[in-house]
Structure formats: structure tokens, C-alpha cells
């Protein structure tokens, strides 16, 4: 009995027998949630692999958030700068075109008579 406990990390023989009984049930009759499956997979990997995976997931998440915030800020700065710099130029060009159009209309009226 002590050999079984040492071999299975302190799991009792009753638990092992219960697991063996579950193995005889067809898979399509077993209903387990996704969380139970994830927990079952967690037990499959050693703690060092789980710790490494958690670190990689955390680093990926924080890196993704940093890139997202950086791009968001860059787009905001670029857009507002373009509006601030281009809007006065666009207004000025529109005013010049309107003045030219008014000159053309005035000249047509003068020479039409």
C-alpha cells in the first residue's frame, strides 16, 4: 500500500479504483465541463511547465496591451496634429479660391457691358 501511495504521490487506492471505474464508462456518456478538462490537463504537466506557460501568457498579455496603448496614442497624436496643421491650410485655400472666383465673376460683369 505504501508503494502505491509513493508511486501516485499520496493518492489513495480507493481513488485509483474510482478512476479505473470511470475508465470503463464510454467517453460519449461522460459529461464534463471545459473547466474540468482544463484542470485535468493542468495535472498532466509538471509545475515548471505550468509556471513557464503562465509567465509566457502574462508576458504576451502585457506586451499586447503595451502595443495596443502605444498604437492608440500614436494614432491620436497623428490625427490631432494633422487636423491642427491641415485645417488652417484648407480654410485658407478655400478662401483664396472663393476670392479668385469673385474676381472672375466681377471681371465677367465688367467686360460683359
N, C-alpha and C. Protein backbone atom coordinates (compact mmCIF):
# COMPACT_ATOMS: atom_id res chain seq x y z
N UNK A 1 0.82 -1.19 0.00
CA UNK A 1 0.00 0.00 0.00
C UNK A 1 0.87 1.26 0.00
N UNK A 2 1.97 1.21 0.77
CA UNK A 2 2.83 2.39 0.82
C UNK A 2 3.52 2.61 -0.52
N UNK A 3 3.76 1.51 -1.27
CA UNK A 3 4.36 1.65 -2.61
C UNK A 3 3.42 2.37 -3.55
N UNK A 4 2.12 2.08 -3.45
CA UNK A 4 1.13 2.75 -4.31
C UNK A 4 1.05 4.22 -3.97
N UNK A 5 1.03 4.54 -2.66
CA UNK A 5 0.94 5.94 -2.26
C UNK A 5 2.16 6.72 -2.73
N UNK A 6 3.33 6.11 -2.62
CA UNK A 6 4.55 6.81 -3.05
C UNK A 6 4.57 6.96 -4.57
N UNK A 7 4.11 5.93 -5.26
CA UNK A 7 4.15 5.96 -6.73
C UNK A 7 3.17 6.99 -7.28
N UNK A 8 2.02 7.15 -6.69
CA UNK A 8 1.00 8.07 -7.20
C UNK A 8 0.93 9.37 -6.39
N UNK A 9 1.96 9.70 -5.69
CA UNK A 9 2.03 10.97 -4.99
C UNK A 9 1.00 11.13 -3.89
N UNK A 10 0.75 10.11 -3.11
CA UNK A 10 -0.16 10.22 -1.98
C UNK A 10 -1.62 9.97 -2.32
N UNK A 11 -1.93 9.50 -3.52
CA UNK A 11 -3.30 9.20 -3.91
C UNK A 11 -3.68 7.85 -3.33
N UNK A 12 -4.86 7.79 -2.70
CA UNK A 12 -5.27 6.54 -2.06
C UNK A 12 -5.70 5.52 -3.12
N UNK A 13 -5.67 4.26 -2.71
CA UNK A 13 -6.06 3.19 -3.64
C UNK A 13 -7.55 3.27 -3.96
N UNK A 14 -8.37 3.81 -3.05
CA UNK A 14 -9.80 3.96 -3.31
C UNK A 14 -10.01 4.95 -4.46
N UNK A 15 -9.22 6.02 -4.47
CA UNK A 15 -9.33 6.99 -5.56
C UNK A 15 -8.89 6.38 -6.88
N UNK A 16 -7.87 5.56 -6.84
CA UNK A 16 -7.38 4.90 -8.05
C UNK A 16 -8.44 3.95 -8.59
N UNK A 17 -9.11 3.19 -7.68
CA UNK A 17 -10.16 2.28 -8.12
C UNK A 17 -11.33 3.05 -8.74
N UNK A 18 -11.65 4.22 -8.14
CA UNK A 18 -12.74 5.04 -8.68
C UNK A 18 -12.37 5.55 -10.09
N UNK A 19 -11.12 5.93 -10.27
CA UNK A 19 -10.68 6.38 -11.59
C UNK A 19 -10.72 5.24 -12.59
N UNK A 20 -10.36 4.03 -12.15
CA UNK A 20 -10.43 2.87 -13.04
C UNK A 20 -11.87 2.59 -13.46
N UNK A 21 -12.83 2.78 -12.53
CA UNK A 21 -14.23 2.58 -12.87
C UNK A 21 -14.68 3.62 -13.90
N UNK A 22 -14.20 4.84 -13.78
CA UNK A 22 -14.55 5.89 -14.76
C UNK A 22 -14.00 5.56 -16.13
N UNK A 23 -12.87 4.84 -16.18
CA UNK A 23 -12.28 4.48 -17.47
C UNK A 23 -13.16 3.48 -18.23
N UNK A 24 -14.00 2.72 -17.52
CA UNK A 24 -14.86 1.75 -18.19
C UNK A 24 -16.10 2.40 -18.80
N UNK A 25 -16.42 3.63 -18.42
CA UNK A 25 -17.58 4.34 -18.97
C UNK A 25 -17.18 4.90 -20.33
N UNK A 26 -18.01 4.69 -21.37
CA UNK A 26 -17.69 5.24 -22.70
C UNK A 26 -17.58 6.78 -22.65
N UNK A 27 -16.70 7.32 -23.46
CA UNK A 27 -16.44 8.76 -23.43
C UNK A 27 -17.66 9.59 -23.76
N UNK A 28 -18.52 9.11 -24.65
CA UNK A 28 -19.69 9.90 -25.01
C UNK A 28 -20.72 9.98 -23.89
N UNK A 29 -20.62 9.10 -22.89
CA UNK A 29 -21.53 9.15 -21.76
C UNK A 29 -21.01 10.03 -20.63
N UNK A 30 -19.73 10.36 -20.68
CA UNK A 30 -19.17 11.23 -19.65
C UNK A 30 -19.48 12.68 -19.99
N UNK A 31 -19.99 13.41 -19.03
CA UNK A 31 -20.24 14.83 -19.22
C UNK A 31 -19.29 15.58 -18.31
N UNK A 32 -18.41 16.34 -18.92
CA UNK A 32 -17.51 17.15 -18.12
C UNK A 32 -17.45 18.54 -18.71
N UNK A 33 -17.29 19.50 -17.85
CA UNK A 33 -17.23 20.88 -18.31
C UNK A 33 -15.85 21.18 -18.86
N UNK A 34 -15.76 22.31 -19.55
CA UNK A 34 -14.45 22.73 -20.07
C UNK A 34 -13.47 22.99 -18.92
N UNK A 35 -13.99 23.52 -17.82
CA UNK A 35 -13.12 23.79 -16.67
C UNK A 35 -12.55 22.49 -16.12
N UNK A 36 -13.37 21.45 -16.05
CA UNK A 36 -12.87 20.16 -15.58
C UNK A 36 -11.81 19.61 -16.53
N UNK A 37 -11.99 19.83 -17.81
CA UNK A 37 -10.98 19.37 -18.78
C UNK A 37 -9.68 20.13 -18.60
N UNK A 38 -9.79 21.44 -18.41
CA UNK A 38 -8.58 22.25 -18.21
C UNK A 38 -7.86 21.83 -16.95
N UNK A 39 -8.60 21.59 -15.88
CA UNK A 39 -7.98 21.14 -14.64
C UNK A 39 -7.30 19.79 -14.85
N UNK A 40 -7.95 18.91 -15.63
CA UNK A 40 -7.34 17.61 -15.93
C UNK A 40 -6.06 17.77 -16.72
N UNK A 41 -6.03 18.70 -17.65
CA UNK A 41 -4.81 18.95 -18.42
C UNK A 41 -3.73 19.57 -17.54
N UNK A 42 -4.15 20.39 -16.59
CA UNK A 42 -3.18 21.02 -15.70
C UNK A 42 -2.40 19.97 -14.92
N UNK A 43 -3.08 18.92 -14.52
CA UNK A 43 -2.43 17.87 -13.75
C UNK A 43 -1.44 17.08 -14.60
N UNK A 44 -1.57 17.21 -15.92
CA UNK A 44 -0.73 16.45 -16.83
C UNK A 44 0.69 17.02 -16.93
N UNK A 45 0.84 18.31 -16.67
CA UNK A 45 2.12 18.98 -16.85
C UNK A 45 2.78 19.27 -15.50
N UNK A 46 4.11 19.19 -15.44
CA UNK A 46 4.80 19.49 -14.19
C UNK A 46 4.70 20.98 -13.84
N UNK A 47 4.90 21.30 -12.58
CA UNK A 47 4.77 22.71 -12.15
C UNK A 47 5.68 23.66 -12.93
N UNK A 48 6.88 23.23 -13.31
CA UNK A 48 7.78 24.13 -14.03
C UNK A 48 7.19 24.51 -15.40
N UNK A 49 6.54 23.56 -16.06
CA UNK A 49 5.92 23.85 -17.36
C UNK A 49 4.73 24.78 -17.16
N UNK A 50 3.92 24.53 -16.13
CA UNK A 50 2.77 25.39 -15.85
C UNK A 50 3.23 26.80 -15.50
N UNK A 51 4.29 26.91 -14.71
CA UNK A 51 4.81 28.23 -14.35
C UNK A 51 5.34 28.96 -15.58
N UNK A 52 6.07 28.25 -16.42
CA UNK A 52 6.58 28.85 -17.65
C UNK A 52 5.45 29.27 -18.57
N UNK A 53 4.44 28.45 -18.70
CA UNK A 53 3.29 28.79 -19.53
C UNK A 53 2.56 30.01 -19.00
N UNK A 54 2.41 30.08 -17.68
CA UNK A 54 1.75 31.25 -17.07
C UNK A 54 2.57 32.50 -17.31
N UNK A 55 3.90 32.38 -17.23
CA UNK A 55 4.77 33.53 -17.47
C UNK A 55 4.64 34.00 -18.92
N UNK A 56 4.67 33.07 -19.85
CA UNK A 56 4.56 33.42 -21.27
C UNK A 56 3.20 34.07 -21.55
N UNK A 57 2.13 33.52 -20.98
CA UNK A 57 0.80 34.10 -21.18
C UNK A 57 0.73 35.51 -20.60
N UNK A 58 1.29 35.69 -19.41
CA UNK A 58 1.29 37.01 -18.77
C UNK A 58 2.11 38.01 -19.57
N UNK A 59 3.29 37.58 -20.04
CA UNK A 59 4.14 38.47 -20.83
C UNK A 59 3.47 38.83 -22.15
N UNK A 60 2.80 37.87 -22.76
CA UNK A 60 2.10 38.13 -24.02
C UNK A 60 0.97 39.13 -23.81
N UNK A 61 0.23 38.95 -22.72
CA UNK A 61 -0.87 39.86 -22.42
C UNK A 61 -0.35 41.28 -22.18
N UNK A 62 0.68 41.42 -21.35
CA UNK A 62 1.19 42.76 -21.05
C UNK A 62 1.82 43.40 -22.28
N UNK A 63 2.51 42.62 -23.10
CA UNK A 63 3.10 43.15 -24.33
C UNK A 63 2.01 43.60 -25.29
N UNK A 64 0.97 42.80 -25.41
CA UNK A 64 -0.14 43.16 -26.30
C UNK A 64 -0.82 44.45 -25.84
N UNK A 65 -1.02 44.58 -24.54
CA UNK A 65 -1.63 45.80 -24.01
C UNK A 65 -0.73 47.00 -24.25
N UNK A 66 0.59 46.83 -24.09
CA UNK A 66 1.52 47.94 -24.32
C UNK A 66 1.47 48.36 -25.79
N UNK A 67 1.50 47.40 -26.70
CA UNK A 67 1.45 47.71 -28.14
C UNK A 67 0.12 48.39 -28.47
N UNK A 68 -0.98 47.89 -27.94
CA UNK A 68 -2.29 48.50 -28.17
C UNK A 68 -2.31 49.95 -27.71
N UNK A 69 -1.85 50.20 -26.48
CA UNK A 69 -1.84 51.57 -25.96
C UNK A 69 -0.90 52.47 -26.74
N UNK A 70 0.25 51.95 -27.16
CA UNK A 70 1.19 52.74 -27.95
C UNK A 70 0.58 53.13 -29.29
N UNK A 71 -0.02 52.16 -29.99
CA UNK A 71 -0.63 52.44 -31.29
C UNK A 71 -1.79 53.41 -31.14
N UNK A 72 -2.58 53.22 -30.10
CA UNK A 72 -3.70 54.12 -29.84
C UNK A 72 -3.22 55.55 -29.63
N UNK A 73 -2.17 55.72 -28.84
CA UNK A 73 -1.61 57.05 -28.61
C UNK A 73 -1.02 57.63 -29.88
N UNK A 74 -0.31 56.81 -30.64
CA UNK A 74 0.30 57.29 -31.88
C UNK A 74 -0.76 57.75 -32.87
N UNK A 75 -1.85 57.00 -32.99
CA UNK A 75 -2.93 57.39 -33.90
C UNK A 75 -3.57 58.70 -33.43
N UNK A 76 -3.79 58.83 -32.12
CA UNK A 76 -4.38 60.06 -31.58
C UNK A 76 -3.47 61.25 -31.86
N UNK A 77 -2.19 61.12 -31.60
CA UNK A 77 -1.25 62.23 -31.81
C UNK A 77 -1.19 62.59 -33.29
N UNK A 78 -1.10 61.59 -34.15
CA UNK A 78 -1.03 61.84 -35.59
C UNK A 78 -2.30 62.51 -36.10
N UNK A 79 -3.44 62.02 -35.70
CA UNK A 79 -4.71 62.57 -36.17
C UNK A 79 -4.90 64.01 -35.70
N UNK A 80 -4.69 64.26 -34.41
CA UNK A 80 -4.89 65.62 -33.91
C UNK A 80 -3.86 66.58 -34.50
N UNK A 81 -2.64 66.13 -34.68
CA UNK A 81 -1.62 67.00 -35.29
C UNK A 81 -1.99 67.33 -36.72
N UNK A 82 -2.44 66.33 -37.46
CA UNK A 82 -2.83 66.57 -38.85
C UNK A 82 -4.00 67.54 -38.93
N UNK A 83 -4.95 67.40 -38.05
CA UNK A 83 -6.10 68.31 -38.05
C UNK A 83 -5.66 69.73 -37.70
N UNK A 84 -4.84 69.84 -36.67
CA UNK A 84 -4.38 71.17 -36.24
C UNK A 84 -3.53 71.83 -37.32
N UNK A 85 -2.69 71.06 -38.01
CA UNK A 85 -1.82 71.64 -39.04
C UNK A 85 -2.53 71.82 -40.38
N UNK A 86 -3.40 70.91 -40.75
CA UNK A 86 -4.01 70.94 -42.09
C UNK A 86 -5.27 71.79 -42.15
N UNK A 87 -6.00 71.90 -41.09
CA UNK A 87 -7.27 72.63 -41.12
C UNK A 87 -7.08 74.10 -41.48
N UNK A 88 -6.15 74.83 -40.88
CA UNK A 88 -5.96 76.23 -41.28
C UNK A 88 -5.56 76.36 -42.75
N UNK A 89 -4.72 75.46 -43.26
CA UNK A 89 -4.32 75.50 -44.65
C UNK A 89 -5.53 75.27 -45.56
N UNK A 90 -6.36 74.31 -45.22
CA UNK A 90 -7.56 74.03 -46.02
C UNK A 90 -8.50 75.23 -46.03
N UNK A 91 -8.67 75.87 -44.89
CA UNK A 91 -9.54 77.05 -44.82
C UNK A 91 -8.97 78.18 -45.68
N UNK A 92 -7.66 78.38 -45.57
CA UNK A 92 -7.01 79.45 -46.36
C UNK A 92 -7.14 79.19 -47.86
N UNK A 93 -6.93 77.95 -48.29
CA UNK A 93 -7.07 77.60 -49.71
C UNK A 93 -8.50 77.85 -50.18
N UNK A 94 -9.47 77.49 -49.36
CA UNK A 94 -10.87 77.72 -49.70
C UNK A 94 -11.17 79.21 -49.84
N UNK A 95 -10.62 80.03 -48.95
CA UNK A 95 -10.83 81.47 -49.03
C UNK A 95 -10.18 82.06 -50.29
N UNK A 96 -8.99 81.59 -50.63
CA UNK A 96 -8.31 82.07 -51.84
C UNK A 96 -9.11 81.70 -53.08
N UNK A 97 -9.62 80.46 -53.13
CA UNK A 97 -10.42 80.03 -54.27
C UNK A 97 -11.70 80.86 -54.39
N UNK A 98 -12.33 81.15 -53.25
CA UNK A 98 -13.55 81.96 -53.26
C UNK A 98 -13.23 83.37 -53.74
N UNK A 99 -12.11 83.94 -53.31
CA UNK A 99 -11.72 85.28 -53.75
C UNK A 99 -11.44 85.29 -55.24
N UNK A 100 -10.75 84.27 -55.74
CA UNK A 100 -10.48 84.18 -57.18
C UNK A 100 -11.78 84.07 -57.98
N UNK A 101 -12.71 83.30 -57.48
CA UNK A 101 -14.00 83.14 -58.14
C UNK A 101 -14.74 84.47 -58.18
N UNK A 102 -14.69 85.22 -57.08
CA UNK A 102 -15.36 86.52 -57.03
C UNK A 102 -14.70 87.49 -58.02
N UNK A 103 -13.38 87.46 -58.14
CA UNK A 103 -12.67 88.31 -59.11
C UNK A 103 -13.10 87.97 -60.53
N UNK A 104 -13.19 86.68 -60.81
CA UNK A 104 -13.57 86.22 -62.15
C UNK A 104 -14.99 86.70 -62.49
N UNK A 105 -15.91 86.56 -61.53
CA UNK A 105 -17.29 86.98 -61.74
C UNK A 105 -17.34 88.49 -61.96
N UNK A 106 -16.57 89.27 -61.15
CA UNK A 106 -16.55 90.73 -61.28
C UNK A 106 -16.01 91.14 -62.66
N UNK A 107 -14.94 90.48 -63.11
CA UNK A 107 -14.36 90.80 -64.41
C UNK A 107 -15.33 90.47 -65.55
N UNK A 108 -16.05 89.36 -65.43
CA UNK A 108 -17.04 88.99 -66.46
C UNK A 108 -18.14 90.04 -66.53
N UNK A 109 -18.56 90.58 -65.36
CA UNK A 109 -19.61 91.60 -65.34
C UNK A 109 -19.09 92.90 -65.95
N UNK A 110 -17.82 93.25 -65.67
CA UNK A 110 -17.26 94.48 -66.22
C UNK A 110 -17.13 94.41 -67.73
N UNK A 111 -16.64 93.30 -68.25
CA UNK A 111 -16.41 93.18 -69.69
C UNK A 111 -17.67 92.78 -70.47
N UNK A 112 -18.70 92.34 -69.77
CA UNK A 112 -19.92 91.94 -70.43
C UNK A 112 -20.71 93.15 -70.93
N UNK A 113 -20.53 94.31 -70.29
CA UNK A 113 -21.30 95.50 -70.66
C UNK A 113 -20.77 96.13 -71.87
